[in-house]
C-alpha atoms as a PDB file:
ATOM      1  CA  MET A   1     277.472 114.266  23.774  1.00  0.00           C
ATOM      2  CA  LYS A   2     276.892 117.984  24.917  1.00  0.00           C
ATOM      3  CA  ARG A   3     273.568 119.354  25.002  1.00  0.00           C
ATOM      4  CA  ASN A   4     272.564 122.920  25.122  1.00  0.00           C
ATOM      5  CA  SER A   5     269.977 124.579  27.271  1.00  0.00           C
ATOM      6  CA  VAL A   6     268.679 126.702  24.741  1.00  0.00           C
ATOM      7  CA  PRO A   7     266.021 129.719  25.287  1.00  0.00           C
ATOM      8  CA  ARG A   8     262.741 130.268  23.794  1.00  0.00           C
ATOM      9  CA  ILE A   9     261.665 133.825  24.322  1.00  0.00           C
ATOM     10  CA  ALA A  10     258.029 134.720  22.907  1.00  0.00           C
ATOM     11  CA  ILE A  11     256.519 138.099  22.958  1.00  0.00           C
ATOM     12  CA  SER A  12     252.991 139.485  21.831  1.00  0.00           C
ATOM     13  CA  ILE A  13     251.743 143.082  21.870  1.00  0.00           C
ATOM     14  CA  ALA A  14     245.568 131.651  51.973  1.00  0.00           C
ATOM     15  CA  LEU A  15     247.669 129.415  50.163  1.00  0.00           C
ATOM     16  CA  VAL A  16     247.260 126.258  51.101  1.00  0.00           C
ATOM     17  CA  LEU A  17     250.175 123.448  50.795  1.00  0.00           C
ATOM     18  CA  LEU A  18     249.969 119.909  50.689  1.00  0.00           C
ATOM     19  CA  SER A  19     253.059 117.859  50.016  1.00  0.00           C
ATOM     20  CA  VAL A  20     252.839 117.676  45.935  1.00  0.00           C
ATOM     21  CA  GLY A  21     250.318 120.614  45.847  1.00  0.00           C
ATOM     22  CA  GLY A  22     247.909 123.356  47.001  1.00  0.00           C
ATOM     23  CA  PHE A  23     244.744 124.918  45.874  1.00  0.00           C
ATOM     24  CA  ALA A  24     243.725 128.500  46.911  1.00  0.00           C
ATOM     25  CA  MET A  25     240.311 130.844  45.672  1.00  0.00           C
ATOM     26  CA  ALA A  26     239.401 134.228  46.718  1.00  0.00           C
ATOM     27  CA  ALA A  27     236.590 136.033  45.439  1.00  0.00           C
ATOM     28  CA  THR A  28     234.499 139.337  46.332  1.00  0.00           C
ATOM     29  CA  THR A  29     231.658 141.558  45.374  1.00  0.00           C
ATOM     30  CA  THR A  30     232.104 144.800  47.249  1.00  0.00           C
ATOM     31  CA  THR A  31     231.261 148.176  47.340  1.00  0.00           C
ATOM     32  CA  GLY A  32     233.515 150.854  49.196  1.00  0.00           C
ATOM     33  CA  SER A  33     237.196 149.641  50.048  1.00  0.00           C
ATOM     34  CA  MET A  34     238.762 145.929  48.874  1.00  0.00           C
ATOM     35  CA  SER A  35     242.056 144.096  49.391  1.00  0.00           C
ATOM     36  CA  ASP A  36     243.862 140.959  49.059  1.00  0.00           C
ATOM     37  CA  SER A  37     247.450 140.308  48.899  1.00  0.00           C
ATOM     38  CA  ALA A  38     248.930 136.847  48.389  1.00  0.00           C
ATOM     39  CA  SER A  39     252.817 135.772  48.390  1.00  0.00           C
ATOM     40  CA  LEU A  40     254.648 132.604  47.546  1.00  0.00           C
ATOM     41  CA  VAL A  41     258.759 131.455  47.520  1.00  0.00           C
ATOM     42  CA  TRP A  42     259.329 127.862  46.242  1.00  0.00           C
ATOM     43  CA  THR A  43     262.913 126.645  46.087  1.00  0.00           C
ATOM     44  CA  THR A  44     263.684 122.924  45.667  1.00  0.00           C
ATOM     45  CA  SER A  45     266.853 120.769  44.422  1.00  0.00           C
ATOM     46  CA  THR A  46     267.523 117.754  42.809  1.00  0.00           C
ATOM     47  CA  GLY A  47     270.765 117.299  46.073  1.00  0.00           C
ATOM     48  CA  GLY A  48     272.357 118.799  48.291  1.00  0.00           C
ATOM     49  CA  ALA A  49     271.443 121.371  51.427  1.00  0.00           C
ATOM     50  CA  ILE A  50     269.615 124.333  49.876  1.00  0.00           C
ATOM     51  CA  ASP A  51     272.079 127.244  50.984  1.00  0.00           C
ATOM     52  CA  GLY A  52     273.264 128.489  47.344  1.00  0.00           C
ATOM     53  CA  VAL A  53     276.065 126.403  46.461  1.00  0.00           C
ATOM     54  CA  LEU A  54     275.385 123.739  44.314  1.00  0.00           C
ATOM     55  CA  VAL A  55     277.415 120.162  44.571  1.00  0.00           C
ATOM     56  CA  PRO A  56     278.632 118.472  41.213  1.00  0.00           C
ATOM     57  CA  GLY A  57     275.564 117.702  39.651  1.00  0.00           C
ATOM     58  CA  GLU A  58     272.796 119.037  41.123  1.00  0.00           C
ATOM     59  CA  ARG A  59     270.088 121.169  39.491  1.00  0.00           C
ATOM     60  CA  GLN A  60     268.097 124.161  41.587  1.00  0.00           C
ATOM     61  CA  SER A  61     264.883 126.093  40.897  1.00  0.00           C
ATOM     62  CA  THR A  62     263.469 128.881  42.529  1.00  0.00           C
ATOM     63  CA  THR A  63     259.802 130.162  41.864  1.00  0.00           C
ATOM     64  CA  VAL A  64     258.975 133.585  43.528  1.00  0.00           C
ATOM     65  CA  TYR A  65     255.014 135.017  42.839  1.00  0.00           C
ATOM     66  CA  GLY A  66     253.570 138.249  44.576  1.00  0.00           C
ATOM     67  CA  GLU A  67     250.238 139.926  43.980  1.00  0.00           C
ATOM     68  CA  ASN A  68     248.379 142.999  45.676  1.00  0.00           C
ATOM     69  CA  THR A  69     244.812 144.612  44.708  1.00  0.00           C
ATOM     70  CA  GLN A  70     243.447 147.088  46.549  1.00  0.00           C
ATOM     71  CA  ALA A  71     240.063 149.140  46.042  1.00  0.00           C
ATOM     72  CA  SER A  72     238.443 152.191  47.781  1.00  0.00           C
ATOM     73  CA  GLY A  73     235.395 154.245  46.735  1.00  0.00           C
ATOM     74  CA  GLY A  74     233.861 152.231  43.866  1.00  0.00           C
ATOM     75  CA  THR A  75     232.280 149.288  43.428  1.00  0.00           C
ATOM     76  CA  SER A  76     234.966 146.069  42.752  1.00  0.00           C
ATOM     77  CA  TRP A  77     233.997 142.197  41.523  1.00  0.00           C
ATOM     78  CA  TYR A  78     237.161 140.199  41.963  1.00  0.00           C
ATOM     79  CA  SER A  79     238.219 136.654  41.546  1.00  0.00           C
ATOM     80  CA  ARG A  80     241.770 134.791  42.217  1.00  0.00           C
ATOM     81  CA  SER A  81     242.547 131.539  42.182  1.00  0.00           C
ATOM     82  CA  MET A  82     246.311 129.768  42.740  1.00  0.00           C
ATOM     83  CA  ASP A  83     247.269 126.034  42.050  1.00  0.00           C
ATOM     84  CA  LEU A  84     251.107 124.702  43.780  1.00  0.00           C
ATOM     85  CA  ASN A  85     251.857 121.174  42.676  1.00  0.00           C
ATOM     86  CA  THR A  86     255.216 120.417  43.446  1.00  0.00           C
ATOM     87  CA  ALA A  87     255.511 117.139  41.302  1.00  0.00           C
ATOM     88  CA  PRO A  88     257.128 117.069  38.468  1.00  0.00           C
ATOM     89  CA  ARG A  89     254.987 118.740  34.901  1.00  0.00           C
ATOM     90  CA  THR A  90     254.860 117.733  31.382  1.00  0.00           C
ATOM     91  CA  PHE A  91     253.712 119.440  28.449  1.00  0.00           C
ATOM     92  CA  GLY A  92     250.242 121.598  28.947  1.00  0.00           C
ATOM     93  CA  GLN A  93     250.728 121.501  33.442  1.00  0.00           C
ATOM     94  CA  TYR A  94     252.384 123.984  35.496  1.00  0.00           C
ATOM     95  CA  ASN A  95     253.402 124.094  38.823  1.00  0.00           C
ATOM     96  CA  VAL A  96     252.402 127.296  39.336  1.00  0.00           C
ATOM     97  CA  ASP A  97     249.280 128.233  38.266  1.00  0.00           C
ATOM     98  CA  SER A  98     247.637 132.039  39.250  1.00  0.00           C
ATOM     99  CA  PHE A  99     244.431 133.295  37.342  1.00  0.00           C
ATOM    100  CA  LYS A 100     243.128 136.766  38.159  1.00  0.00           C
ATOM    101  CA  MET A 101     239.711 138.865  37.391  1.00  0.00           C
ATOM    102  CA  PHE A 102     238.905 142.103  38.402  1.00  0.00           C
ATOM    103  CA  THR A 103     236.687 144.603  37.705  1.00  0.00           C
ATOM    104  CA  PHE A 104     236.193 148.178  39.027  1.00  0.00           C
ATOM    105  CA  ASP A 105     234.131 151.146  38.700  1.00  0.00           C
ATOM    106  CA  GLY A 106     234.748 154.029  40.828  1.00  0.00           C
ATOM    107  CA  ILE A 107     233.236 156.779  37.879  1.00  0.00           C
ATOM    108  CA  SER A 108     229.258 156.155  38.105  1.00  0.00           C
ATOM    109  CA  GLN A 109     227.008 157.851  39.909  1.00  0.00           C
ATOM    110  CA  ASN A 110     229.187 160.621  40.654  1.00  0.00           C
ATOM    111  CA  ARG A 111     232.199 158.197  42.911  1.00  0.00           C
ATOM    112  CA  THR A 112     235.813 159.089  42.583  1.00  0.00           C
ATOM    113  CA  GLY A 113     236.743 156.005  43.363  1.00  0.00           C
ATOM    114  CA  LYS A 114     240.726 154.413  42.421  1.00  0.00           C
ATOM    115  CA  ALA A 115     241.832 150.949  42.716  1.00  0.00           C
ATOM    116  CA  SER A 116     245.092 149.492  41.754  1.00  0.00           C
ATOM    117  CA  SER A 117     246.518 145.941  40.835  1.00  0.00           C
ATOM    118  CA  ASP A 118     250.033 144.799  40.951  1.00  0.00           C
ATOM    119  CA  GLU A 119     251.517 141.046  40.383  1.00  0.00           C
ATOM    120  CA  PHE A 120     255.233 139.551  39.660  1.00  0.00           C
ATOM    121  CA  ILE A 121     256.063 136.126  39.117  1.00  0.00           C
ATOM    122  CA  GLY A 122     259.730 135.180  38.467  1.00  0.00           C
ATOM    123  CA  ILE A 123     261.808 131.998  38.230  1.00  0.00           C
ATOM    124  CA  ASP A 124     265.445 131.476  38.561  1.00  0.00           C
ATOM    125  CA  THR A 125     267.444 128.232  37.886  1.00  0.00           C
ATOM    126  CA  MET A 126     270.870 126.571  38.046  1.00  0.00           C
ATOM    127  CA  GLY A 127     272.638 123.387  37.607  1.00  0.00           C
ATOM    128  CA  ARG A 128     276.047 122.316  37.751  1.00  0.00           C
ATOM    129  CA  PRO A 129     276.879 119.978  34.595  1.00  0.00           C
ATOM    130  CA  ASN A 130     274.823 116.594  34.462  1.00  0.00           C
ATOM    131  CA  SER A 131     274.249 113.888  32.648  1.00  0.00           C
ATOM    132  CA  SER A 132     270.472 113.966  30.898  1.00  0.00           C
ATOM    133  CA  PRO A 133     268.380 110.943  30.953  1.00  0.00           C
ATOM    134  CA  ALA A 134     266.566 109.709  27.925  1.00  0.00           C
ATOM    135  CA  THR A 135     263.525 111.295  26.427  1.00  0.00           C
ATOM    136  CA  ILE A 136     260.818 110.157  24.561  1.00  0.00           C
ATOM    137  CA  ASP A 137     261.893 113.092  21.445  1.00  0.00           C
ATOM    138  CA  PRO A 138     264.088 111.133  18.630  1.00  0.00           C
ATOM    139  CA  PHE A 139     266.054 114.401  18.214  1.00  0.00           C
ATOM    140  CA  VAL A 140     266.924 114.656  21.565  1.00  0.00           C
ATOM    141  CA  LYS A 141     269.488 112.134  22.730  1.00  0.00           C
ATOM    142  CA  PRO A 142     271.410 111.794  26.228  1.00  0.00           C
ATOM    143  CA  GLY A 143     273.999 113.565  26.680  1.00  0.00           C
ATOM    144  CA  THR A 144     275.624 116.292  29.107  1.00  0.00           C
ATOM    145  CA  PHE A 145     274.146 119.110  30.121  1.00  0.00           C
ATOM    146  CA  PRO A 146     276.410 122.247  30.573  1.00  0.00           C
ATOM    147  CA  ALA A 147     276.563 124.229  33.764  1.00  0.00           C
ATOM    148  CA  TYR A 148     273.398 127.094  33.634  1.00  0.00           C
ATOM    149  CA  HIS A 149     272.339 129.908  35.408  1.00  0.00           C
ATOM    150  CA  ASN A 150     268.896 131.529  34.460  1.00  0.00           C
ATOM    151  CA  GLU A 151     266.318 134.107  35.566  1.00  0.00           C
ATOM    152  CA  VAL A 152     263.358 135.712  34.552  1.00  0.00           C
ATOM    153  CA  ASN A 153     260.811 137.856  35.541  1.00  0.00           C
ATOM    154  CA  ALA A 154     257.494 138.678  34.362  1.00  0.00           C
ATOM    155  CA  GLY A 155     254.343 141.600  35.950  1.00  0.00           C
ATOM    156  CA  SER A 156     252.037 144.101  35.631  1.00  0.00           C
ATOM    157  CA  ALA A 157     250.529 147.176  37.649  1.00  0.00           C
ATOM    158  CA  PHE A 158     247.409 149.000  37.179  1.00  0.00           C
ATOM    159  CA  ASP A 159     245.560 152.092  38.805  1.00  0.00           C
ATOM    160  CA  LEU A 160     242.229 151.969  37.563  1.00  0.00           C
ATOM    161  CA  GLU A 161     239.087 154.393  38.102  1.00  0.00           C
ATOM    162  CA  GLN A 162     237.167 152.161  35.901  1.00  0.00           C
ATOM    163  CA  GLY A 163     237.826 149.239  33.599  1.00  0.00           C
ATOM    164  CA  SER A 164     238.169 145.376  33.934  1.00  0.00           C
ATOM    165  CA  LEU A 165     241.329 143.240  34.444  1.00  0.00           C
ATOM    166  CA  MET A 166     242.502 139.832  34.106  1.00  0.00           C
ATOM    167  CA  THR A 167     246.146 138.161  34.294  1.00  0.00           C
ATOM    168  CA  GLN A 168     247.554 134.423  34.145  1.00  0.00           C
ATOM    169  CA  ALA A 169     251.003 133.299  35.467  1.00  0.00           C
ATOM    170  CA  ARG A 170     252.380 129.876  34.860  1.00  0.00           C
ATOM    171  CA  THR A 171     255.485 128.633  35.463  1.00  0.00           C
ATOM    172  CA  ARG A 172     256.986 125.214  35.167  1.00  0.00           C
ATOM    173  CA  THR A 173     260.229 124.289  37.030  1.00  0.00           C
ATOM    174  CA  ILE A 174     260.112 121.017  37.854  1.00  0.00           C
ATOM    175  CA  THR A 175     260.058 118.463  34.609  1.00  0.00           C
ATOM    176  CA  PRO A 176     259.900 115.039  34.111  1.00  0.00           C
ATOM    177  CA  ARG A 177     262.184 114.406  31.134  1.00  0.00           C
ATOM    178  CA  ALA A 178     264.968 116.550  29.158  1.00  0.00           C
ATOM    179  CA  ASP A 179     263.036 117.263  26.354  1.00  0.00           C
ATOM    180  CA  VAL A 180     260.306 119.190  28.592  1.00  0.00           C
ATOM    181  CA  PRO A 181     260.975 123.085  28.633  1.00  0.00           C
ATOM    182  CA  VAL A 182     261.494 125.246  32.212  1.00  0.00           C
ATOM    183  CA  THR A 183     258.575 127.722  31.228  1.00  0.00           C
ATOM    184  CA  LEU A 184     257.403 131.049  32.365  1.00  0.00           C
ATOM    185  CA  ASP A 185     254.397 131.962  30.451  1.00  0.00           C
ATOM    186  CA  TYR A 186     252.434 135.206  31.758  1.00  0.00           C
ATOM    187  CA  VAL A 187     249.258 137.071  29.891  1.00  0.00           C
ATOM    188  CA  VAL A 188     247.692 140.396  31.062  1.00  0.00           C
ATOM    189  CA  GLY A 189     245.202 142.212  29.356  1.00  0.00           C
ATOM    190  CA  LEU A 190     242.506 145.145  30.273  1.00  0.00           C
ATOM    191  CA  GLN A 191     239.364 146.013  28.837  1.00  0.00           C
ATOM    192  CA  GLY A 192     236.444 149.315  29.284  1.00  0.00           C
ATOM    193  CA  LEU A 193     233.182 148.535  30.761  1.00  0.00           C
ATOM    194  CA  ASN A 194     229.831 148.982  29.316  1.00  0.00           C
ATOM    195  CA  ASP A 195     231.211 149.605  25.395  1.00  0.00           C
ATOM    196  CA  LYS A 196     233.535 152.233  27.001  1.00  0.00           C
ATOM    197  CA  PRO A 197     237.652 152.495  27.610  1.00  0.00           C
ATOM    198  CA  ALA A 198     238.979 151.792  30.790  1.00  0.00           C
ATOM    199  CA  VAL A 199     239.966 154.766  32.690  1.00  0.00           C
ATOM    200  CA  GLY A 200     243.563 154.605  34.326  1.00  0.00           C
ATOM    201  CA  SER A 201     247.194 153.089  33.651  1.00  0.00           C
ATOM    202  CA  ALA A 202     248.322 149.923  32.228  1.00  0.00           C
ATOM    203  CA  SER A 203     251.944 148.345  32.574  1.00  0.00           C
ATOM    204  CA  ALA A 204     253.075 145.031  32.030  1.00  0.00           C
ATOM    205  CA  PHE A 205     256.725 143.411  31.107  1.00  0.00           C
ATOM    206  CA  ILE A 206     258.861 140.687  31.034  1.00  0.00           C
ATOM    207  CA  ASP A 207     262.969 140.143  31.176  1.00  0.00           C
ATOM    208  CA  GLY A 208     265.927 137.649  31.976  1.00  0.00           C
ATOM    209  CA  HIS A 209     269.434 137.017  32.209  1.00  0.00           C
ATOM    210  CA  LEU A 210     270.490 134.150  31.013  1.00  0.00           C
ATOM    211  CA  GLU A 211     273.923 132.401  31.200  1.00  0.00           C
ATOM    212  CA  GLU A 212     275.461 128.808  30.257  1.00  0.00           C
ATOM    213  CA  GLY A 213     278.875 127.182  30.435  1.00  0.00           C
ATOM    214  CA  GLY A 214     280.310 124.650  28.537  1.00  0.00           C
ATOM    215  CA  GLN A 215     280.099 120.798  28.531  1.00  0.00           C
ATOM    216  CA  ASP A 216     282.967 120.054  30.825  1.00  0.00           C
ATOM    217  CA  THR A 217     283.598 123.386  32.813  1.00  0.00           C
ATOM    218  CA  CYS A 218     281.588 125.970  34.409  1.00  0.00           C
ATOM    219  CA  GLY A 219     283.676 128.606  32.686  1.00  0.00           C
ATOM    220  CA  LYS A 220     280.620 131.519  31.026  1.00  0.00           C
ATOM    221  CA  THR A 221     280.052 130.716  27.211  1.00  0.00           C
ATOM    222  CA  MET A 222     276.590 132.335  26.699  1.00  0.00           C
ATOM    223  CA  ASP A 223     275.293 135.056  28.437  1.00  0.00           C
ATOM    224  CA  VAL A 224     271.731 136.868  27.418  1.00  0.00           C
ATOM    225  CA  VAL A 225     270.030 140.144  29.060  1.00  0.00           C
ATOM    226  CA  PHE A 226     266.503 141.034  27.719  1.00  0.00           C
ATOM    227  CA  SER A 227     263.952 143.273  28.429  1.00  0.00           C
ATOM    228  CA  ASP A 228     260.376 143.942  27.185  1.00  0.00           C
ATOM    229  CA  GLU A 229     257.541 146.641  28.520  1.00  0.00           C
ATOM    230  CA  SER A 230     254.289 147.968  27.374  1.00  0.00           C
ATOM    231  CA  THR A 231     252.263 151.263  29.209  1.00  0.00           C
ATOM    232  CA  ALA A 232     249.423 152.624  28.241  1.00  0.00           C
ATOM    233  CA  SER A 233     247.380 155.856  30.528  1.00  0.00           C
ATOM    234  CA  GLY A 234     244.512 157.986  30.005  1.00  0.00           C
ATOM    235  CA  LEU A 235     241.195 156.476  27.802  1.00  0.00           C
ATOM    236  CA  ILE A 236     242.542 152.745  27.180  1.00  0.00           C
ATOM    237  CA  TYR A 237     240.382 150.613  25.093  1.00  0.00           C
ATOM    238  CA  ARG A 238     242.447 147.975  24.755  1.00  0.00           C
ATOM    239  CA  PHE A 239     245.701 146.590  26.444  1.00  0.00           C
ATOM    240  CA  ASP A 240     246.622 142.933  25.772  1.00  0.00           C
ATOM    241  CA  LYS A 241     250.256 141.493  26.623  1.00  0.00           C
ATOM    242  CA  SER A 242     251.453 138.107  26.383  1.00  0.00           C
ATOM    243  CA  MET A 243     254.749 136.769  27.287  1.00  0.00           C
ATOM    244  CA  LEU A 244     256.156 133.271  27.286  1.00  0.00           C
ATOM    245  CA  TYR A 245     260.104 132.039  27.867  1.00  0.00           C
ATOM    246  CA  GLU A 246     260.886 128.189  27.762  1.00  0.00           C
ATOM    247  CA  SER A 247     264.081 126.719  28.066  1.00  0.00           C
ATOM    248  CA  GLY A 248     264.915 123.187  26.992  1.00  0.00           C
ATOM    249  CA  SER A 249     266.547 121.133  23.960  1.00  0.00           C
ATOM    250  CA  SER A 250     264.999 122.671  21.045  1.00  0.00           C
ATOM    251  CA  ALA A 251     266.076 125.709  18.989  1.00  0.00           C
ATOM    252  CA  ILE A 252     265.671 129.215  19.908  1.00  0.00           C
ATOM    253  CA  SER A 253     262.485 131.386  18.648  1.00  0.00           C
ATOM    254  CA  VAL A 254     261.764 135.299  19.008  1.00  0.00           C
ATOM    255  CA  PHE A 255     258.272 136.153  18.192  1.00  0.00           C
END
């Protein structure tokens, strides 16, 4: 029985690594200059060497994360946490979970401060045809999953003179069953201070390339390319964006 790896895409307008998990946190309040950066590249495979060549039945995933925040000439309140868990994760759980809050005031008291905060999260999953195990979903029966290669990225960039922002970046690439989808979930929000608009610029995006083969061949039978980006600049009263990608044994939905 053929089971398609079906995507679901929804869009609405310091690391301590252990054997199966790690957690890191940074927090600072500064008048003057501050900077913080983080990066992660994590690749795992169901079998065989991680050498770019998949053996029959092998599945491989890579998660990439990067963050860089800098500020000068103002007052900064900054907090960021990151959790990495390499064990299989089910619904409501994630392998990578990062949360950031950053408030910057570079205007009050005749200041001329500037701040920037950039973030990127991406997943790259691929696999040769393989047999799926049993699931707890009665509508998902054991069968053969075709070859696939899916790459999805999301991120944001903020340049501020004044404002308060938050971001949350979450991915799930290791799942215990076929009915638990691979997920990339990215949320950003920006607002002003003291009932005033934020001052600066903001952007957020998601893009992806989804490829799938047939049941008994590695030849391509599906190819989807998508992208979405939102930008704002000047006096920004509110900037909110939520982006969700899921791929698994479920119907396709686009919001």
